[in-house]
Amino acid sequence: MPIKGFQRLKKLKWLTNLYVVIGLFFIVWMFFFDANSALIQWQLQKEIKALEEERAYLKREIEADRALLQKFSDSLEKERYARERYLFKREGEDLYLIEYADSIKQPKF
């Protein structure tokens, strides 16, 4: 149907205006096909949000590590941490580990 056929329809008459056609083409181009389209901007904003959340998590971890390092300024605290966490022992000392049946990982077949 040529453009003149659209002019006969009252509701679609605005589609024959050259400025409207160019404007609609421009809007569709900018939203979907351009290198900086709205879809790409949405994905970039999502990535920025994920990176900011990771940054906040890493800052919390750094603060926890700083507190732990400050606590380790005492040699007794270092020894206590090593004994609890890494199962270190003193010379002449025996170490017994008690594991409960529900805490032992069962192999999956």
PDB file of N, CA and C in Angstrom:
ATOM      1  N   MET A   1       0.853  -1.161   0.000  1.00  0.00           N
ATOM      2  CA  MET A   1       0.000   0.000   0.000  1.00  0.00           C
ATOM      3  C   MET A   1       0.903   1.229   0.000  1.00  0.00           C
ATOM      4  N   PRO A   2       0.812   2.071  -0.976  1.00  0.00           N
ATOM      5  CA  PRO A   2       1.668   3.264  -1.023  1.00  0.00           C
ATOM      6  C   PRO A   2       1.307   4.251   0.082  1.00  0.00           C
ATOM      7  N   ILE A   3       2.158   5.245   0.218  1.00  0.00           N
ATOM      8  CA  ILE A   3       1.962   6.254   1.266  1.00  0.00           C
ATOM      9  C   ILE A   3       0.640   6.977   1.075  1.00  0.00           C
ATOM     10  N   LYS A   4       0.246   7.184  -0.127  1.00  0.00           N
ATOM     11  CA  LYS A   4      -1.021   7.888  -0.376  1.00  0.00           C
ATOM     12  C   LYS A   4      -2.200   7.092   0.181  1.00  0.00           C
ATOM     13  N   GLY A   5      -2.078   5.775   0.213  1.00  0.00           N
ATOM     14  CA  GLY A   5      -3.135   4.953   0.793  1.00  0.00           C
ATOM     15  C   GLY A   5      -3.250   5.169   2.294  1.00  0.00           C
ATOM     16  N   PHE A   6      -2.144   5.443   2.945  1.00  0.00           N
ATOM     17  CA  PHE A   6      -2.162   5.739   4.376  1.00  0.00           C
ATOM     18  C   PHE A   6      -2.828   7.086   4.654  1.00  0.00           C
ATOM     19  N   GLN A   7      -2.705   8.014   3.739  1.00  0.00           N
ATOM     20  CA  GLN A   7      -3.272   9.339   3.944  1.00  0.00           C
ATOM     21  C   GLN A   7      -4.790   9.288   4.009  1.00  0.00           C
ATOM     22  N   ARG A   8      -5.374   8.298   3.417  1.00  0.00           N
ATOM     23  CA  ARG A   8      -6.841   8.188   3.439  1.00  0.00           C
ATOM     24  C   ARG A   8      -7.340   7.760   4.813  1.00  0.00           C
ATOM     25  N   LEU A   9      -6.503   7.029   5.551  1.00  0.00           N
ATOM     26  CA  LEU A   9      -6.907   6.598   6.889  1.00  0.00           C
ATOM     27  C   LEU A   9      -6.620   7.726   7.883  1.00  0.00           C
ATOM     28  N   LYS A  10      -7.644   8.189   8.554  1.00  0.00           N
ATOM     29  CA  LYS A  10      -7.505   9.349   9.445  1.00  0.00           C
ATOM     30  C   LYS A  10      -6.582   9.048  10.629  1.00  0.00           C
ATOM     31  N   LYS A  11      -6.676   7.850  11.174  1.00  0.00           N
ATOM     32  CA  LYS A  11      -5.897   7.540  12.370  1.00  0.00           C
ATOM     33  C   LYS A  11      -4.418   7.360  12.060  1.00  0.00           C
ATOM     34  N   LEU A  12      -4.070   6.950  10.857  1.00  0.00           N
ATOM     35  CA  LEU A  12      -2.681   6.718  10.497  1.00  0.00           C
ATOM     36  C   LEU A  12      -2.091   7.860   9.661  1.00  0.00           C
ATOM     37  N   LYS A  13      -2.773   8.969   9.621  1.00  0.00           N
ATOM     38  CA  LYS A  13      -2.316  10.095   8.800  1.00  0.00           C
ATOM     39  C   LYS A  13      -0.977  10.653   9.302  1.00  0.00           C
ATOM     40  N   TRP A  14      -0.737  10.604  10.586  1.00  0.00           N
ATOM     41  CA  TRP A  14       0.505  11.149  11.149  1.00  0.00           C
ATOM     42  C   TRP A  14       1.719  10.336  10.713  1.00  0.00           C
ATOM     43  N   LEU A  15       1.506   9.080  10.257  1.00  0.00           N
ATOM     44  CA  LEU A  15       2.623   8.253   9.788  1.00  0.00           C
ATOM     45  C   LEU A  15       3.202   8.748   8.466  1.00  0.00           C
ATOM     46  N   THR A  16       2.459   9.542   7.755  1.00  0.00           N
ATOM     47  CA  THR A  16       2.957  10.038   6.459  1.00  0.00           C
ATOM     48  C   THR A  16       3.855  11.258   6.623  1.00  0.00           C
ATOM     49  N   ASN A  17       3.865  11.842   7.803  1.00  0.00           N
ATOM     50  CA  ASN A  17       4.710  13.009   8.044  1.00  0.00           C
ATOM     51  C   ASN A  17       6.175  12.550   8.037  1.00  0.00           C
ATOM     52  N   LEU A  18       7.006  13.191   7.243  1.00  0.00           N
ATOM     53  CA  LEU A  18       8.410  12.811   7.091  1.00  0.00           C
ATOM     54  C   LEU A  18       9.165  12.914   8.415  1.00  0.00           C
ATOM     55  N   TYR A  19       8.884  13.925   9.204  1.00  0.00           N
ATOM     56  CA  TYR A  19       9.562  14.108  10.489  1.00  0.00           C
ATOM     57  C   TYR A  19       9.227  12.977  11.473  1.00  0.00           C
ATOM     58  N   VAL A  20       8.000  12.540  11.467  1.00  0.00           N
ATOM     59  CA  VAL A  20       7.588  11.443  12.345  1.00  0.00           C
ATOM     60  C   VAL A  20       8.278  10.157  11.921  1.00  0.00           C
ATOM     61  N   VAL A  21       8.339   9.894  10.631  1.00  0.00           N
ATOM     62  CA  VAL A  21       8.977   8.682  10.129  1.00  0.00           C
ATOM     63  C   VAL A  21      10.460   8.686  10.488  1.00  0.00           C
ATOM     64  N   ILE A  22      11.138   9.800  10.262  1.00  0.00           N
ATOM     65  CA  ILE A  22      12.560   9.900  10.588  1.00  0.00           C
ATOM     66  C   ILE A  22      12.769   9.818  12.101  1.00  0.00           C
ATOM     67  N   GLY A  23      11.903  10.441  12.869  1.00  0.00           N
ATOM     68  CA  GLY A  23      12.009  10.391  14.326  1.00  0.00           C
ATOM     69  C   GLY A  23      11.825   8.979  14.861  1.00  0.00           C
ATOM     70  N   LEU A  24      10.832   8.267  14.345  1.00  0.00           N
ATOM     71  CA  LEU A  24      10.623   6.879  14.776  1.00  0.00           C
ATOM     72  C   LEU A  24      11.808   6.001  14.394  1.00  0.00           C
ATOM     73  N   PHE A  25      12.330   6.203  13.198  1.00  0.00           N
ATOM     74  CA  PHE A  25      13.501   5.440  12.776  1.00  0.00           C
ATOM     75  C   PHE A  25      14.683   5.721  13.707  1.00  0.00           C
ATOM     76  N   PHE A  26      14.882   6.992  14.043  1.00  0.00           N
ATOM     77  CA  PHE A  26      15.978   7.384  14.928  1.00  0.00           C
ATOM     78  C   PHE A  26      15.821   6.744  16.313  1.00  0.00           C
ATOM     79  N   ILE A  27      14.614   6.770  16.862  1.00  0.00           N
ATOM     80  CA  ILE A  27      14.372   6.198  18.188  1.00  0.00           C
ATOM     81  C   ILE A  27      14.619   4.692  18.179  1.00  0.00           C
ATOM     82  N   VAL A  28      14.106   4.004  17.162  1.00  0.00           N
ATOM     83  CA  VAL A  28      14.321   2.555  17.070  1.00  0.00           C
ATOM     84  C   VAL A  28      15.804   2.259  16.907  1.00  0.00           C
ATOM     85  N   TRP A  29      16.480   3.040  16.109  1.00  0.00           N
ATOM     86  CA  TRP A  29      17.918   2.830  15.901  1.00  0.00           C
ATOM     87  C   TRP A  29      18.686   3.011  17.211  1.00  0.00           C
ATOM     88  N   MET A  30      18.375   4.069  17.954  1.00  0.00           N
ATOM     89  CA  MET A  30      19.100   4.350  19.195  1.00  0.00           C
ATOM     90  C   MET A  30      18.806   3.312  20.280  1.00  0.00           C
ATOM     91  N   PHE A  31      17.600   2.780  20.314  1.00  0.00           N
ATOM     92  CA  PHE A  31      17.259   1.813  21.351  1.00  0.00           C
ATOM     93  C   PHE A  31      17.788   0.412  21.075  1.00  0.00           C
ATOM     94  N   PHE A  32      17.895   0.022  19.816  1.00  0.00           N
ATOM     95  CA  PHE A  32      18.214  -1.369  19.530  1.00  0.00           C
ATOM     96  C   PHE A  32      19.500  -1.601  18.743  1.00  0.00           C
ATOM     97  N   PHE A  33      19.875  -0.717  17.846  1.00  0.00           N
ATOM     98  CA  PHE A  33      20.961  -1.020  16.919  1.00  0.00           C
ATOM     99  C   PHE A  33      22.244  -0.236  17.136  1.00  0.00           C
ATOM    100  N   ASP A  34      22.218   0.840  17.864  1.00  0.00           N
ATOM    101  CA  ASP A  34      23.390   1.680  18.051  1.00  0.00           C
ATOM    102  C   ASP A  34      24.402   0.997  18.976  1.00  0.00           C
ATOM    103  N   ALA A  35      25.663   1.412  18.890  1.00  0.00           N
ATOM    104  CA  ALA A  35      26.705   0.836  19.745  1.00  0.00           C
ATOM    105  C   ALA A  35      26.454   1.157  21.217  1.00  0.00           C
ATOM    106  N   ASN A  36      25.772   2.241  21.502  1.00  0.00           N
ATOM    107  CA  ASN A  36      25.422   2.624  22.874  1.00  0.00           C
ATOM    108  C   ASN A  36      23.919   2.513  23.087  1.00  0.00           C
ATOM    109  N   SER A  37      23.336   1.421  22.634  1.00  0.00           N
ATOM    110  CA  SER A  37      21.889   1.254  22.705  1.00  0.00           C
ATOM    111  C   SER A  37      21.422   1.118  24.142  1.00  0.00           C
ATOM    112  N   ALA A  38      20.128   1.229  24.317  1.00  0.00           N
ATOM    113  CA  ALA A  38      19.545   1.122  25.656  1.00  0.00           C
ATOM    114  C   ALA A  38      19.786  -0.259  26.245  1.00  0.00           C
ATOM    115  N   LEU A  39      19.768  -1.281  25.422  1.00  0.00           N
ATOM    116  CA  LEU A  39      20.005  -2.639  25.915  1.00  0.00           C
ATOM    117  C   LEU A  39      21.435  -2.796  26.437  1.00  0.00           C
ATOM    118  N   ILE A  40      22.389  -2.242  25.724  1.00  0.00           N
ATOM    119  CA  ILE A  40      23.780  -2.314  26.163  1.00  0.00           C
ATOM    120  C   ILE A  40      23.965  -1.503  27.445  1.00  0.00           C
ATOM    121  N   GLN A  41      23.334  -0.340  27.518  1.00  0.00           N
ATOM    122  CA  GLN A  41      23.432   0.479  28.723  1.00  0.00           C
ATOM    123  C   GLN A  41      22.836  -0.250  29.921  1.00  0.00           C
ATOM    124  N   TRP A  42      21.730  -0.961  29.711  1.00  0.00           N
ATOM    125  CA  TRP A  42      21.105  -1.726  30.785  1.00  0.00           C
ATOM    126  C   TRP A  42      22.047  -2.825  31.274  1.00  0.00           C
ATOM    127  N   GLN A  43      22.701  -3.532  30.350  1.00  0.00           N
ATOM    128  CA  GLN A  43      23.645  -4.573  30.729  1.00  0.00           C
ATOM    129  C   GLN A  43      24.848  -3.990  31.473  1.00  0.00           C
ATOM    130  N   LEU A  44      25.334  -2.841  31.023  1.00  0.00           N
ATOM    131  CA  LEU A  44      26.464  -2.203  31.692  1.00  0.00           C
ATOM    132  C   LEU A  44      26.099  -1.767  33.107  1.00  0.00           C
ATOM    133  N   GLN A  45      24.881  -1.243  33.290  1.00  0.00           N
ATOM    134  CA  GLN A  45      24.447  -0.839  34.622  1.00  0.00           C
ATOM    135  C   GLN A  45      24.342  -2.051  35.549  1.00  0.00           C
ATOM    136  N   LYS A  46      23.888  -3.172  34.997  1.00  0.00           N
ATOM    137  CA  LYS A  46      23.793  -4.400  35.785  1.00  0.00           C
ATOM    138  C   LYS A  46      25.184  -4.871  36.200  1.00  0.00           C
ATOM    139  N   GLU A  47      26.144  -4.774  35.297  1.00  0.00           N
ATOM    140  CA  GLU A  47      27.520  -5.166  35.598  1.00  0.00           C
ATOM    141  C   GLU A  47      28.143  -4.234  36.637  1.00  0.00           C
ATOM    142  N   ILE A  48      27.863  -2.945  36.533  1.00  0.00           N
ATOM    143  CA  ILE A  48      28.374  -1.975  37.506  1.00  0.00           C
ATOM    144  C   ILE A  48      27.823  -2.287  38.893  1.00  0.00           C
ATOM    145  N   LYS A  49      26.544  -2.620  38.973  1.00  0.00           N
ATOM    146  CA  LYS A  49      25.941  -2.949  40.267  1.00  0.00           C
ATOM    147  C   LYS A  49      26.597  -4.187  40.870  1.00  0.00           C
ATOM    148  N   ALA A  50      26.847  -5.200  40.036  1.00  0.00           N
ATOM    149  CA  ALA A  50      27.500  -6.418  40.540  1.00  0.00           C
ATOM    150  C   ALA A  50      28.916  -6.112  41.032  1.00  0.00           C
ATOM    151  N   LEU A  51      29.644  -5.263  40.308  1.00  0.00           N
ATOM    152  CA  LEU A  51      31.003  -4.907  40.716  1.00  0.00           C
ATOM    153  C   LEU A  51      31.003  -4.095  42.007  1.00  0.00           C
ATOM    154  N   GLU A  52      30.017  -3.222  42.172  1.00  0.00           N
ATOM    155  CA  GLU A  52      29.934  -2.442  43.410  1.00  0.00           C
ATOM    156  C   GLU A  52      29.616  -3.340  44.602  1.00  0.00           C
ATOM    157  N   GLU A  53      28.768  -4.349  44.391  1.00  0.00           N
ATOM    158  CA  GLU A  53      28.483  -5.299  45.466  1.00  0.00           C
ATOM    159  C   GLU A  53      29.736  -6.097  45.824  1.00  0.00           C
ATOM    160  N   GLU A  54      30.505  -6.490  44.814  1.00  0.00           N
ATOM    161  CA  GLU A  54      31.752  -7.211  45.067  1.00  0.00           C
ATOM    162  C   GLU A  54      32.750  -6.325  45.806  1.00  0.00           C
ATOM    163  N   ARG A  55      32.789  -5.058  45.433  1.00  0.00           N
ATOM    164  CA  ARG A  55      33.686  -4.113  46.096  1.00  0.00           C
ATOM    165  C   ARG A  55      33.322  -3.961  47.572  1.00  0.00           C
ATOM    166  N   ALA A  56      32.027  -3.858  47.872  1.00  0.00           N
ATOM    167  CA  ALA A  56      31.587  -3.739  49.259  1.00  0.00           C
ATOM    168  C   ALA A  56      31.937  -5.003  50.047  1.00  0.00           C
ATOM    169  N   TYR A  57      31.756  -6.162  49.421  1.00  0.00           N
ATOM    170  CA  TYR A  57      32.114  -7.427  50.083  1.00  0.00           C
ATOM    171  C   TYR A  57      33.606  -7.472  50.378  1.00  0.00           C
ATOM    172  N   LEU A  58      34.429  -7.077  49.413  1.00  0.00           N
ATOM    173  CA  LEU A  58      35.878  -7.110  49.616  1.00  0.00           C
ATOM    174  C   LEU A  58      36.317  -6.112  50.681  1.00  0.00           C
ATOM    175  N   LYS A  59      35.652  -4.965  50.766  1.00  0.00           N
ATOM    176  CA  LYS A  59      35.971  -4.004  51.819  1.00  0.00           C
ATOM    177  C   LYS A  59      35.667  -4.592  53.198  1.00  0.00           C
ATOM    178  N   ARG A  60      34.535  -5.312  53.313  1.00  0.00           N
ATOM    179  CA  ARG A  60      34.217  -5.953  54.588  1.00  0.00           C
ATOM    180  C   ARG A  60      35.253  -7.010  54.940  1.00  0.00           C
ATOM    181  N   GLU A  61      35.706  -7.751  53.946  1.00  0.00           N
ATOM    182  CA  GLU A  61      36.724  -8.777  54.186  1.00  0.00           C
ATOM    183  C   GLU A  61      38.050  -8.139  54.609  1.00  0.00           C
ATOM    184  N   ILE A  62      38.404  -7.015  53.996  1.00  0.00           N
ATOM    185  CA  ILE A  62      39.641  -6.316  54.363  1.00  0.00           C
ATOM    186  C   ILE A  62      39.558  -5.837  55.808  1.00  0.00           C
ATOM    187  N   GLU A  63      38.411  -5.301  56.203  1.00  0.00           N
ATOM    188  CA  GLU A  63      38.258  -4.841  57.587  1.00  0.00           C
ATOM    189  C   GLU A  63      38.361  -6.015  58.563  1.00  0.00           C
ATOM    190  N   ALA A  64      37.779  -7.153  58.198  1.00  0.00           N
ATOM    191  CA  ALA A  64      37.875  -8.328  59.072  1.00  0.00           C
ATOM    192  C   ALA A  64      39.327  -8.794  59.171  1.00  0.00           C
ATOM    193  N   ASP A  65      40.057  -8.770  58.071  1.00  0.00           N
ATOM    194  CA  ASP A  65      41.466  -9.168  58.096  1.00  0.00           C
ATOM    195  C   ASP A  65      42.316  -8.191  58.893  1.00  0.00           C
ATOM    196  N   ARG A  66      42.012  -6.905  58.804  1.00  0.00           N
ATOM    197  CA  ARG A  66      42.749  -5.913  59.597  1.00  0.00           C
ATOM    198  C   ARG A  66      42.528  -6.142  61.088  1.00  0.00           C
ATOM    199  N   ALA A  67      41.273  -6.443  61.453  1.00  0.00           N
ATOM    200  CA  ALA A  67      40.981  -6.708  62.860  1.00  0.00           C
ATOM    201  C   ALA A  67      41.727  -7.957  63.325  1.00  0.00           C
ATOM    202  N   LEU A  68      41.785  -8.961  62.463  1.00  0.00           N
ATOM    203  CA  LEU A  68      42.505 -10.188  62.814  1.00  0.00           C
ATOM    204  C   LEU A  68      44.003  -9.921  62.954  1.00  0.00           C
ATOM    205  N   LEU A  69      44.567  -9.130  62.063  1.00  0.00           N
ATOM    206  CA  LEU A  69      45.990  -8.793  62.160  1.00  0.00           C
ATOM    207  C   LEU A  69      46.293  -7.997  63.421  1.00  0.00           C
ATOM    208  N   GLN A  70      45.400  -7.104  63.773  1.00  0.00           N
ATOM    209  CA  GLN A  70      45.605  -6.326  64.990  1.00  0.00           C
ATOM    210  C   GLN A  70      45.525  -7.238  66.214  1.00  0.00           C
ATOM    211  N   LYS A  71      44.641  -8.223  66.155  1.00  0.00           N
ATOM    212  CA  LYS A  71      44.518  -9.167  67.253  1.00  0.00           C
ATOM    213  C   LYS A  71      45.761 -10.047  67.353  1.00  0.00           C
ATOM    214  N   PHE A  72      46.442 -10.289  66.233  1.00  0.00           N
ATOM    215  CA  PHE A  72      47.628 -11.131  66.217  1.00  0.00           C
ATOM    216  C   PHE A  72      48.880 -10.416  66.708  1.00  0.00           C
ATOM    217  N   SER A  73      48.769  -9.199  67.136  1.00  0.00           N
ATOM    218  CA  SER A  73      49.951  -8.509  67.660  1.00  0.00           C
ATOM    219  C   SER A  73      50.466  -9.210  68.928  1.00  0.00           C
ATOM    220  N   ASP A  74      49.609  -9.944  69.590  1.00  0.00           N
ATOM    221  CA  ASP A  74      49.994 -10.716  70.772  1.00  0.00           C
ATOM    222  C   ASP A  74      50.367 -12.130  70.326  1.00  0.00           C
ATOM    223  N   SER A  75      51.528 -12.639  70.758  1.00  0.00           N
ATOM    224  CA  SER A  75      51.989 -13.963  70.325  1.00  0.00           C
ATOM    225  C   SER A  75      51.100 -15.079  70.877  1.00  0.00           C
ATOM    226  N   LEU A  76      50.499 -14.877  72.039  1.00  0.00           N
ATOM    227  CA  LEU A  76      49.592 -15.894  72.583  1.00  0.00           C
ATOM    228  C   LEU A  76      48.336 -16.033  71.721  1.00  0.00           C
ATOM    229  N   GLU A  77      47.910 -14.941  71.196  1.00  0.00           N
ATOM    230  CA  GLU A  77      46.735 -14.970  70.320  1.00  0.00           C
ATOM    231  C   GLU A  77      47.047 -15.705  69.019  1.00  0.00           C
ATOM    232  N   LYS A  78      48.249 -15.497  68.490  1.00  0.00           N
ATOM    233  CA  LYS A  78      48.668 -16.232  67.287  1.00  0.00           C
ATOM    234  C   LYS A  78      48.672 -17.731  67.550  1.00  0.00           C
ATOM    235  N   GLU A  79      49.224 -18.105  68.687  1.00  0.00           N
ATOM    236  CA  GLU A  79      49.299 -19.528  69.023  1.00  0.00           C
ATOM    237  C   GLU A  79      47.903 -20.128  69.178  1.00  0.00           C
ATOM    238  N   ARG A  80      47.015 -19.428  69.856  1.00  0.00           N
ATOM    239  CA  ARG A  80      45.655 -19.916  70.040  1.00  0.00           C
ATOM    240  C   ARG A  80      44.954 -20.102  68.691  1.00  0.00           C
ATOM    241  N   TYR A  81      45.112 -19.135  67.805  1.00  0.00           N
ATOM    242  CA  TYR A  81      44.488 -19.213  66.478  1.00  0.00           C
ATOM    243  C   TYR A  81      45.051 -20.393  65.687  1.00  0.00           C
ATOM    244  N   ALA A  82      46.370 -20.588  65.727  1.00  0.00           N
ATOM    245  CA  ALA A  82      46.986 -21.686  64.986  1.00  0.00           C
ATOM    246  C   ALA A  82      46.548 -23.030  65.551  1.00  0.00           C
ATOM    247  N   ARG A  83      46.411 -23.126  66.846  1.00  0.00           N
ATOM    248  CA  ARG A  83      45.992 -24.387  67.458  1.00  0.00           C
ATOM    249  C   ARG A  83      44.542 -24.703  67.110  1.00  0.00           C
ATOM    250  N   GLU A  84      43.688 -23.708  67.102  1.00  0.00           N
ATOM    251  CA  GLU A  84      42.274 -23.944  66.814  1.00  0.00           C
ATOM    252  C   GLU A  84      42.015 -24.161  65.326  1.00  0.00           C
ATOM    253  N   ARG A  85      42.634 -23.345  64.518  1.00  0.00           N
ATOM    254  CA  ARG A  85      42.316 -23.354  63.087  1.00  0.00           C
ATOM    255  C   ARG A  85      43.102 -24.401  62.308  1.00  0.00           C
ATOM    256  N   TYR A  86      44.391 -24.508  62.583  1.00  0.00           N
ATOM    257  CA  TYR A  86      45.267 -25.380  61.790  1.00  0.00           C
ATOM    258  C   TYR A  86      45.749 -26.608  62.551  1.00  0.00           C
ATOM    259  N   LEU A  87      45.205 -26.811  63.736  1.00  0.00           N
ATOM    260  CA  LEU A  87      45.494 -27.990  64.557  1.00  0.00           C
ATOM    261  C   LEU A  87      46.979 -28.136  64.879  1.00  0.00           C
ATOM    262  N   PHE A  88      47.648 -27.027  65.141  1.00  0.00           N
ATOM    263  CA  PHE A  88      49.040 -27.077  65.572  1.00  0.00           C
ATOM    264  C   PHE A  88      49.083 -27.572  67.018  1.00  0.00           C
ATOM    265  N   LYS A  89      50.237 -28.083  67.419  1.00  0.00           N
ATOM    266  CA  LYS A  89      50.393 -28.549  68.797  1.00  0.00           C
ATOM    267  C   LYS A  89      51.792 -28.206  69.294  1.00  0.00           C
ATOM    268  N   ARG A  90      51.937 -28.227  70.593  1.00  0.00           N
ATOM    269  CA  ARG A  90      53.231 -27.985  71.208  1.00  0.00           C
ATOM    270  C   ARG A  90      54.014 -29.287  71.240  1.00  0.00           C
ATOM    271  N   GLU A  91      55.324 -29.166  71.497  1.00  0.00           N
ATOM    272  CA  GLU A  91      56.153 -30.368  71.602  1.00  0.00           C
ATOM    273  C   GLU A  91      55.734 -31.180  72.817  1.00  0.00           C
ATOM    274  N   GLY A  92      55.687 -32.490  72.624  1.00  0.00           N
ATOM    275  CA  GLY A  92      55.332 -33.379  73.719  1.00  0.00           C
ATOM    276  C   GLY A  92      53.845 -33.396  74.006  1.00  0.00           C
ATOM    277  N   GLU A  93      53.068 -32.827  73.169  1.00  0.00           N
ATOM    278  CA  GLU A  93      51.636 -32.749  73.393  1.00  0.00           C
ATOM    279  C   GLU A  93      50.934 -33.634  72.367  1.00  0.00           C
ATOM    280  N   ASP A  94      49.917 -34.355  72.792  1.00  0.00           N
ATOM    281  CA  ASP A  94      49.138 -35.180  71.875  1.00  0.00           C
ATOM    282  C   ASP A  94      47.842 -34.458  71.528  1.00  0.00           C
ATOM    283  N   LEU A  95      47.429 -34.640  70.305  1.00  0.00           N
ATOM    284  CA  LEU A  95      46.235 -33.970  69.825  1.00  0.00           C
ATOM    285  C   LEU A  95      45.243 -35.023  69.360  1.00  0.00           C
ATOM    286  N   TYR A  96      44.042 -34.980  69.918  1.00  0.00           N
ATOM    287  CA  TYR A  96      43.002 -35.922  69.536  1.00  0.00           C
ATOM    288  C   TYR A  96      41.848 -35.155  68.898  1.00  0.00           C
ATOM    289  N   LEU A  97      41.445 -35.615  67.728  1.00  0.00           N
ATOM    290  CA  LEU A  97      40.317 -35.006  67.046  1.00  0.00           C
ATOM    291  C   LEU A  97      39.104 -35.908  67.198  1.00  0.00           C
ATOM    292  N   ILE A  98      38.035 -35.335  67.642  1.00  0.00           N
ATOM    293  CA  ILE A  98      36.793 -36.096  67.810  1.00  0.00           C
ATOM    294  C   ILE A  98      35.828 -35.610  66.735  1.00  0.00           C
ATOM    295  N   GLU A  99      35.436 -36.527  65.875  1.00  0.00           N
ATOM    296  CA  GLU A  99      34.477 -36.188  64.826  1.00  0.00           C
ATOM    297  C   GLU A  99      33.208 -36.971  65.067  1.00  0.00           C
ATOM    298  N   TYR A 100      32.116 -36.305  64.951  1.00  0.00           N
ATOM    299  CA  TYR A 100      30.820 -36.952  65.116  1.00  0.00           C
ATOM    300  C   TYR A 100      30.375 -37.528  63.778  1.00  0.00           C
ATOM    301  N   ALA A 101      29.562 -38.547  63.820  1.00  0.00           N
ATOM    302  CA  ALA A 101      29.157 -39.263  62.607  1.00  0.00           C
ATOM    303  C   ALA A 101      28.437 -38.348  61.624  1.00  0.00           C
ATOM    304  N   ASP A 102      27.668 -37.402  62.104  1.00  0.00           N
ATOM    305  CA  ASP A 102      26.938 -36.532  61.187  1.00  0.00           C
ATOM    306  C   ASP A 102      27.815 -35.432  60.592  1.00  0.00           C
ATOM    307  N   SER A 103      29.020 -35.231  61.111  1.00  0.00           N
ATOM    308  CA  SER A 103      29.901 -34.198  60.566  1.00  0.00           C
ATOM    309  C   SER A 103      30.875 -34.734  59.525  1.00  0.00           C
ATOM    310  N   ILE A 104      30.963 -36.072  59.389  1.00  0.00           N
ATOM    311  CA  ILE A 104      31.872 -36.681  58.419  1.00  0.00           C
ATOM    312  C   ILE A 104      31.181 -36.719  57.060  1.00  0.00           C
ATOM    313  N   LYS A 105      31.855 -36.262  56.053  1.00  0.00           N
ATOM    314  CA  LYS A 105      31.273 -36.243  54.705  1.00  0.00           C
ATOM    315  C   LYS A 105      31.274 -37.655  54.137  1.00  0.00           C
ATOM    316  N   GLN A 106      30.130 -38.075  53.668  1.00  0.00           N
ATOM    317  CA  GLN A 106      29.975 -39.391  53.073  1.00  0.00           C
ATOM    318  C   GLN A 106      30.239 -39.304  51.572  1.00  0.00           C
ATOM    319  N   PRO A 107      30.897 -40.317  50.975  1.00  0.00           N
ATOM    320  CA  PRO A 107      31.119 -40.278  49.524  1.00  0.00           C
ATOM    321  C   PRO A 107      29.792 -40.446  48.785  1.00  0.00           C
ATOM    322  N   LYS A 108      29.681 -39.742  47.680  1.00  0.00           N
ATOM    323  CA  LYS A 108      28.461 -39.824  46.862  1.00  0.00           C
ATOM    324  C   LYS A 108      28.702 -40.786  45.719  1.00  0.00           C
ATOM    325  N   PHE A 109      27.805 -41.702  45.533  1.00  0.00           N
ATOM    326  CA  PHE A 109      27.921 -42.676  44.471  1.00  0.00           C
ATOM    327  C   PHE A 109      26.895 -42.430  43.418  1.00  0.00           C
TER     328      PHE A 109
END
